[in-house]
Amino acid sequence: IQSQLTTLTMGTDNVQRRTRTAQGFDAFARVGMPTSASFYREYAVTEDVFLSELQSIQEEYNIRDEDMGAWMSGETGGTVSANIGGTGIEAVMAFLNESFTFE
């Protein structure tokens, strides 16, 4: 279960940002117990900028192509397949393009 607050602001640089804070709670074993907290600052970018940043992060953190689009299971910390039909940035982009519209 998650509780989320979203705030939209316009910076002095004329960039609109979305700031999100979220609190996660256990919905199964210990219902209602806090499990996580997150804070995000987001802003819109072009697809080219997104791809460039994604590739830089992949290289900086030595993320293998087969791990792109996968996640860690909460129970064991093991890698879980994202089942996105491939590996690497191309597979991640194909998956994202099914869900989002890039400007």
N, C-alpha and C. Protein backbone atom coordinates (compact mmCIF):
# COMPACT_ATOMS: atom_id res chain seq x y z
N ILE A 1 0.86 -1.16 0.00
CA ILE A 1 0.00 0.00 0.00
C ILE A 1 0.91 1.22 0.00
N GLN A 2 0.52 2.26 -0.72
CA GLN A 2 1.33 3.46 -0.80
C GLN A 2 0.47 4.70 -0.66
N SER A 3 0.98 5.66 0.07
CA SER A 3 0.37 6.99 0.18
C SER A 3 1.32 7.96 -0.50
N GLN A 4 0.80 8.81 -1.38
CA GLN A 4 1.67 9.66 -2.18
C GLN A 4 1.16 11.10 -2.22
N LEU A 5 2.09 12.04 -2.15
CA LEU A 5 1.81 13.47 -2.29
C LEU A 5 2.59 13.97 -3.49
N THR A 6 1.93 14.69 -4.41
CA THR A 6 2.58 15.24 -5.59
C THR A 6 2.38 16.75 -5.61
N THR A 7 3.47 17.49 -5.85
CA THR A 7 3.42 18.94 -5.92
C THR A 7 4.06 19.39 -7.23
N LEU A 8 3.38 20.28 -7.98
CA LEU A 8 3.92 20.84 -9.21
C LEU A 8 4.41 22.25 -8.94
N THR A 9 5.65 22.54 -9.35
CA THR A 9 6.21 23.88 -9.15
C THR A 9 6.89 24.36 -10.43
N MET A 10 7.00 25.68 -10.57
CA MET A 10 7.74 26.28 -11.67
C MET A 10 8.95 26.96 -11.06
N GLY A 11 10.15 26.53 -11.46
CA GLY A 11 11.37 27.10 -10.91
C GLY A 11 11.71 28.43 -11.54
N THR A 12 12.67 29.11 -10.95
CA THR A 12 13.12 30.39 -11.49
C THR A 12 13.77 30.21 -12.86
N ASP A 13 14.12 28.97 -13.21
CA ASP A 13 14.69 28.67 -14.52
C ASP A 13 13.60 28.34 -15.55
N ASN A 14 12.32 28.57 -15.17
CA ASN A 14 11.16 28.30 -16.02
C ASN A 14 11.01 26.82 -16.39
N VAL A 15 11.50 25.93 -15.54
CA VAL A 15 11.32 24.50 -15.73
C VAL A 15 10.28 24.03 -14.73
N GLN A 16 9.23 23.38 -15.26
CA GLN A 16 8.21 22.84 -14.38
C GLN A 16 8.69 21.51 -13.84
N ARG A 17 8.60 21.36 -12.53
CA ARG A 17 9.02 20.12 -11.89
C ARG A 17 7.86 19.51 -11.13
N ARG A 18 7.91 18.18 -11.06
CA ARG A 18 6.95 17.45 -10.26
C ARG A 18 7.74 16.83 -9.11
N THR A 19 7.35 17.15 -7.90
CA THR A 19 8.00 16.58 -6.72
C THR A 19 7.03 15.62 -6.07
N ARG A 20 7.50 14.39 -5.87
CA ARG A 20 6.65 13.37 -5.27
C ARG A 20 7.33 12.82 -4.02
N THR A 21 6.54 12.67 -2.98
CA THR A 21 6.97 11.95 -1.80
C THR A 21 5.98 10.81 -1.59
N ALA A 22 6.47 9.68 -1.15
CA ALA A 22 5.60 8.53 -0.97
C ALA A 22 5.99 7.76 0.28
N GLN A 23 5.01 7.17 0.89
CA GLN A 23 5.21 6.30 2.04
C GLN A 23 4.63 4.94 1.69
N GLY A 24 5.40 3.87 1.91
CA GLY A 24 4.93 2.52 1.64
C GLY A 24 4.58 1.80 2.93
N PHE A 25 3.53 1.01 2.87
CA PHE A 25 3.07 0.26 4.03
C PHE A 25 2.84 -1.20 3.64
N ASP A 26 3.13 -2.11 4.56
CA ASP A 26 2.92 -3.54 4.32
C ASP A 26 1.42 -3.81 4.18
N ALA A 27 1.07 -4.53 3.12
CA ALA A 27 -0.34 -4.84 2.88
C ALA A 27 -0.66 -6.31 3.12
N PHE A 28 0.34 -7.08 3.58
CA PHE A 28 0.13 -8.52 3.69
C PHE A 28 0.46 -9.06 5.08
N ALA A 29 1.74 -9.23 5.39
CA ALA A 29 2.14 -9.89 6.64
C ALA A 29 1.88 -9.03 7.87
N ARG A 30 2.35 -7.80 7.83
CA ARG A 30 2.16 -6.89 8.97
C ARG A 30 1.42 -5.66 8.47
N VAL A 31 0.17 -5.83 8.20
CA VAL A 31 -0.65 -4.81 7.55
C VAL A 31 -0.54 -3.47 8.28
N GLY A 32 -0.24 -2.43 7.49
CA GLY A 32 -0.17 -1.08 8.03
C GLY A 32 1.19 -0.66 8.54
N MET A 33 2.13 -1.60 8.66
CA MET A 33 3.47 -1.24 9.14
C MET A 33 4.22 -0.51 8.03
N PRO A 34 4.90 0.61 8.35
CA PRO A 34 5.66 1.32 7.32
C PRO A 34 6.82 0.47 6.80
N THR A 35 7.01 0.47 5.48
CA THR A 35 8.07 -0.33 4.87
C THR A 35 9.06 0.48 4.05
N SER A 36 8.64 1.65 3.58
CA SER A 36 9.54 2.43 2.73
C SER A 36 9.10 3.88 2.66
N ALA A 37 10.02 4.70 2.21
CA ALA A 37 9.72 6.11 1.94
C ALA A 37 10.54 6.51 0.72
N SER A 38 10.00 7.40 -0.10
CA SER A 38 10.74 7.84 -1.27
C SER A 38 10.47 9.31 -1.55
N PHE A 39 11.41 9.92 -2.26
CA PHE A 39 11.34 11.33 -2.63
C PHE A 39 11.87 11.44 -4.05
N TYR A 40 11.09 12.02 -4.95
CA TYR A 40 11.48 12.17 -6.35
C TYR A 40 11.29 13.61 -6.80
N ARG A 41 12.23 14.08 -7.59
CA ARG A 41 12.05 15.35 -8.30
C ARG A 41 12.14 15.02 -9.78
N GLU A 42 11.13 15.39 -10.55
CA GLU A 42 11.05 15.00 -11.95
C GLU A 42 10.83 16.22 -12.83
N TYR A 43 11.27 16.12 -14.06
CA TYR A 43 10.98 17.14 -15.06
C TYR A 43 10.98 16.48 -16.43
N ALA A 44 10.26 17.07 -17.36
CA ALA A 44 10.13 16.51 -18.70
C ALA A 44 11.39 16.74 -19.50
N VAL A 45 11.77 15.74 -20.29
CA VAL A 45 12.91 15.85 -21.19
C VAL A 45 12.52 15.23 -22.53
N THR A 46 13.31 15.50 -23.55
CA THR A 46 13.08 14.88 -24.85
C THR A 46 13.53 13.42 -24.79
N GLU A 47 13.10 12.63 -25.77
CA GLU A 47 13.50 11.22 -25.82
C GLU A 47 15.02 11.10 -25.97
N ASP A 48 15.64 12.00 -26.76
CA ASP A 48 17.09 11.95 -26.93
C ASP A 48 17.83 12.18 -25.63
N VAL A 49 17.36 13.15 -24.84
CA VAL A 49 17.98 13.42 -23.54
C VAL A 49 17.78 12.23 -22.60
N PHE A 50 16.58 11.66 -22.61
CA PHE A 50 16.29 10.50 -21.77
C PHE A 50 17.22 9.34 -22.11
N LEU A 51 17.35 9.03 -23.40
CA LEU A 51 18.21 7.93 -23.83
C LEU A 51 19.67 8.17 -23.47
N SER A 52 20.13 9.39 -23.64
CA SER A 52 21.51 9.73 -23.31
C SER A 52 21.77 9.54 -21.81
N GLU A 53 20.84 10.03 -20.98
CA GLU A 53 20.99 9.89 -19.54
C GLU A 53 20.90 8.42 -19.11
N LEU A 54 19.98 7.68 -19.71
CA LEU A 54 19.84 6.26 -19.38
C LEU A 54 21.12 5.50 -19.70
N GLN A 55 21.69 5.77 -20.86
CA GLN A 55 22.93 5.10 -21.25
C GLN A 55 24.08 5.49 -20.32
N SER A 56 24.16 6.76 -19.94
CA SER A 56 25.20 7.21 -19.01
C SER A 56 25.10 6.50 -17.66
N ILE A 57 23.87 6.38 -17.16
CA ILE A 57 23.65 5.71 -15.87
C ILE A 57 24.01 4.23 -15.99
N GLN A 58 23.61 3.59 -17.10
CA GLN A 58 23.93 2.18 -17.29
C GLN A 58 25.45 1.98 -17.26
N GLU A 59 26.18 2.85 -17.94
CA GLU A 59 27.65 2.73 -17.97
C GLU A 59 28.26 3.06 -16.62
N GLU A 60 27.80 4.13 -15.98
CA GLU A 60 28.37 4.56 -14.70
C GLU A 60 28.23 3.49 -13.61
N TYR A 61 27.09 2.81 -13.60
CA TYR A 61 26.83 1.81 -12.56
C TYR A 61 27.06 0.37 -13.05
N ASN A 62 27.66 0.22 -14.24
CA ASN A 62 27.98 -1.10 -14.79
C ASN A 62 26.78 -2.05 -14.78
N ILE A 63 25.63 -1.55 -15.25
CA ILE A 63 24.41 -2.36 -15.31
C ILE A 63 24.47 -3.20 -16.58
N ARG A 64 24.39 -4.50 -16.42
CA ARG A 64 24.42 -5.40 -17.56
C ARG A 64 23.14 -5.25 -18.38
N ASP A 65 23.25 -5.48 -19.70
CA ASP A 65 22.07 -5.40 -20.57
C ASP A 65 20.95 -6.30 -20.07
N GLU A 66 21.29 -7.53 -19.63
CA GLU A 66 20.26 -8.46 -19.19
C GLU A 66 19.58 -8.03 -17.90
N ASP A 67 20.16 -7.06 -17.18
CA ASP A 67 19.53 -6.54 -15.97
C ASP A 67 18.70 -5.29 -16.21
N MET A 68 18.77 -4.73 -17.41
CA MET A 68 17.97 -3.55 -17.72
C MET A 68 16.49 -3.94 -17.76
N GLY A 69 15.68 -3.26 -16.98
CA GLY A 69 14.25 -3.54 -16.95
C GLY A 69 13.88 -4.61 -15.94
N ALA A 70 14.84 -5.17 -15.22
CA ALA A 70 14.55 -6.17 -14.19
C ALA A 70 14.52 -5.46 -12.84
N TRP A 71 14.08 -6.17 -11.82
CA TRP A 71 14.04 -5.59 -10.49
C TRP A 71 14.42 -6.63 -9.46
N MET A 72 14.66 -6.17 -8.25
CA MET A 72 15.02 -7.06 -7.15
C MET A 72 13.76 -7.46 -6.41
N SER A 73 13.66 -8.74 -6.06
CA SER A 73 12.51 -9.18 -5.29
C SER A 73 12.68 -8.71 -3.85
N GLY A 74 11.58 -8.34 -3.21
CA GLY A 74 11.63 -7.89 -1.83
C GLY A 74 11.97 -8.99 -0.86
N GLU A 75 11.58 -10.23 -1.19
CA GLU A 75 11.78 -11.33 -0.26
C GLU A 75 13.22 -11.81 -0.21
N THR A 76 13.86 -11.97 -1.38
CA THR A 76 15.19 -12.57 -1.39
C THR A 76 16.28 -11.64 -1.89
N GLY A 77 15.90 -10.53 -2.51
CA GLY A 77 16.90 -9.64 -3.09
C GLY A 77 17.43 -10.15 -4.41
N GLY A 78 16.89 -11.28 -4.90
CA GLY A 78 17.32 -11.83 -6.18
C GLY A 78 16.72 -11.06 -7.33
N THR A 79 17.36 -11.14 -8.50
CA THR A 79 16.86 -10.47 -9.68
C THR A 79 15.64 -11.20 -10.22
N VAL A 80 14.60 -10.45 -10.54
CA VAL A 80 13.38 -10.99 -11.11
C VAL A 80 13.29 -10.49 -12.55
N SER A 81 12.99 -11.35 -13.48
CA SER A 81 12.88 -10.94 -14.87
C SER A 81 11.71 -9.99 -15.04
N ALA A 82 11.93 -8.93 -15.80
CA ALA A 82 10.87 -7.97 -16.08
C ALA A 82 9.95 -8.49 -17.19
N ASN A 83 10.41 -9.53 -17.90
CA ASN A 83 9.62 -10.11 -18.98
C ASN A 83 9.18 -9.04 -19.98
N ILE A 84 10.16 -8.23 -20.41
CA ILE A 84 9.85 -7.14 -21.34
C ILE A 84 10.23 -7.48 -22.77
N GLY A 85 10.57 -8.73 -23.01
CA GLY A 85 10.82 -9.17 -24.38
C GLY A 85 12.16 -8.79 -24.94
N GLY A 86 13.20 -8.86 -24.16
CA GLY A 86 14.54 -8.57 -24.65
C GLY A 86 15.42 -8.03 -23.55
N THR A 87 16.58 -7.52 -23.95
CA THR A 87 17.52 -6.96 -22.98
C THR A 87 18.03 -5.62 -23.48
N GLY A 88 18.61 -4.87 -22.57
CA GLY A 88 19.25 -3.62 -22.94
C GLY A 88 18.29 -2.46 -23.08
N ILE A 89 18.85 -1.34 -23.48
CA ILE A 89 18.10 -0.10 -23.59
C ILE A 89 16.98 -0.22 -24.63
N GLU A 90 17.23 -0.94 -25.73
CA GLU A 90 16.21 -1.08 -26.77
C GLU A 90 14.96 -1.75 -26.21
N ALA A 91 15.13 -2.80 -25.40
CA ALA A 91 13.98 -3.49 -24.82
C ALA A 91 13.26 -2.61 -23.81
N VAL A 92 14.02 -1.85 -23.02
CA VAL A 92 13.41 -0.94 -22.05
C VAL A 92 12.60 0.12 -22.79
N MET A 93 13.15 0.68 -23.87
CA MET A 93 12.43 1.71 -24.62
C MET A 93 11.18 1.15 -25.28
N ALA A 94 11.26 -0.05 -25.81
CA ALA A 94 10.07 -0.66 -26.42
C ALA A 94 8.98 -0.83 -25.37
N PHE A 95 9.38 -1.27 -24.18
CA PHE A 95 8.43 -1.45 -23.08
C PHE A 95 7.83 -0.10 -22.67
N LEU A 96 8.66 0.93 -22.51
CA LEU A 96 8.16 2.25 -22.11
C LEU A 96 7.24 2.85 -23.17
N ASN A 97 7.58 2.65 -24.44
CA ASN A 97 6.76 3.20 -25.52
C ASN A 97 5.38 2.59 -25.57
N GLU A 98 5.21 1.40 -24.98
CA GLU A 98 3.87 0.80 -24.89
C GLU A 98 3.03 1.49 -23.82
N SER A 99 3.69 2.14 -22.86
CA SER A 99 3.00 2.72 -21.72
C SER A 99 2.93 4.23 -21.71
N PHE A 100 3.90 4.90 -22.35
CA PHE A 100 3.99 6.36 -22.27
C PHE A 100 4.15 6.96 -23.65
N THR A 101 3.82 8.23 -23.77
CA THR A 101 4.04 8.98 -24.99
C THR A 101 5.18 9.95 -24.72
N PHE A 102 6.26 9.84 -25.50
CA PHE A 102 7.39 10.77 -25.36
C PHE A 102 7.18 11.93 -26.30
N GLU A 103 7.55 13.13 -25.83
CA GLU A 103 7.41 14.31 -26.67
C GLU A 103 8.66 14.53 -27.49
